[in-house]
């Protein structure tokens, strides 16, 4: 499940103009911080 959320998040980050907070919510993460941790990406590198 986590891998699917991360894959979908990556797709949306690359193909949409949605902020990371919206993408996190759309794919089922409790927060943008949780998504960033899953992507192992520093906060400032993701929109």
C-alpha atoms as a PDB file:
ATOM      1  CA  UNK A   1       0.000   0.000   0.000  1.00  0.00           C
ATOM      2  CA  UNK A   2       2.761   2.451   0.927  1.00  0.00           C
ATOM      3  CA  UNK A   3       4.629   1.746  -2.317  1.00  0.00           C
ATOM      4  CA  UNK A   4       1.473   2.425  -4.338  1.00  0.00           C
ATOM      5  CA  UNK A   5       0.902   5.738  -2.527  1.00  0.00           C
ATOM      6  CA  UNK A   6       4.487   6.767  -3.174  1.00  0.00           C
ATOM      7  CA  UNK A   7       4.279   5.788  -6.853  1.00  0.00           C
ATOM      8  CA  UNK A   8       1.057   7.751  -7.325  1.00  0.00           C
ATOM      9  CA  UNK A   9       2.481  10.717  -5.420  1.00  0.00           C
ATOM     10  CA  UNK A  10       5.521  10.781  -7.681  1.00  0.00           C
ATOM     11  CA  UNK A  11       3.299  10.697 -10.773  1.00  0.00           C
ATOM     12  CA  UNK A  12       1.214  13.601  -9.487  1.00  0.00           C
ATOM     13  CA  UNK A  13       4.260  15.631  -8.481  1.00  0.00           C
ATOM     14  CA  UNK A  14       5.648  15.247 -11.993  1.00  0.00           C
ATOM     15  CA  UNK A  15       2.427  15.772 -13.941  1.00  0.00           C
ATOM     16  CA  UNK A  16       0.297  18.226 -11.977  1.00  0.00           C
ATOM     17  CA  UNK A  17       0.503  21.684 -10.497  1.00  0.00           C
ATOM     18  CA  UNK A  18      -0.983  20.564  -7.167  1.00  0.00           C
ATOM     19  CA  UNK A  19       0.975  21.508  -4.057  1.00  0.00           C
ATOM     20  CA  UNK A  20       2.523  18.653  -2.108  1.00  0.00           C
ATOM     21  CA  UNK A  21      -0.058  19.103   0.657  1.00  0.00           C
ATOM     22  CA  UNK A  22      -2.894  18.389  -1.778  1.00  0.00           C
ATOM     23  CA  UNK A  23      -1.115  15.411  -3.312  1.00  0.00           C
ATOM     24  CA  UNK A  24      -0.478  13.926   0.113  1.00  0.00           C
ATOM     25  CA  UNK A  25      -4.171  14.182   0.915  1.00  0.00           C
ATOM     26  CA  UNK A  26      -5.245  12.779  -2.467  1.00  0.00           C
ATOM     27  CA  UNK A  27      -3.150   9.632  -2.149  1.00  0.00           C
ATOM     28  CA  UNK A  28      -3.902   8.979   1.523  1.00  0.00           C
ATOM     29  CA  UNK A  29      -0.967  10.299   3.517  1.00  0.00           C
ATOM     30  CA  UNK A  30      -1.921  11.943   6.820  1.00  0.00           C
ATOM     31  CA  UNK A  31       0.247  14.981   6.025  1.00  0.00           C
ATOM     32  CA  UNK A  32       2.676  16.464   3.529  1.00  0.00           C
ATOM     33  CA  UNK A  33       5.464  15.744   6.017  1.00  0.00           C
ATOM     34  CA  UNK A  34       4.587  12.045   5.901  1.00  0.00           C
ATOM     35  CA  UNK A  35       4.758  12.091   2.117  1.00  0.00           C
ATOM     36  CA  UNK A  36       8.117  13.846   2.184  1.00  0.00           C
ATOM     37  CA  UNK A  37       9.464  11.265   4.621  1.00  0.00           C
ATOM     38  CA  UNK A  38       8.227   8.480   2.372  1.00  0.00           C
ATOM     39  CA  UNK A  39       9.939  10.049  -0.618  1.00  0.00           C
ATOM     40  CA  UNK A  40      13.034  10.623   1.544  1.00  0.00           C
ATOM     41  CA  UNK A  41      13.173  14.162   0.195  1.00  0.00           C
ATOM     42  CA  UNK A  42      14.091  17.265   2.176  1.00  0.00           C
ATOM     43  CA  UNK A  43      11.162  19.619   2.717  1.00  0.00           C
ATOM     44  CA  UNK A  44      12.530  22.375   0.481  1.00  0.00           C
ATOM     45  CA  UNK A  45      13.064  20.108  -2.525  1.00  0.00           C
ATOM     46  CA  UNK A  46       9.380  19.224  -2.934  1.00  0.00           C
ATOM     47  CA  UNK A  47       7.284  22.174  -4.089  1.00  0.00           C
END
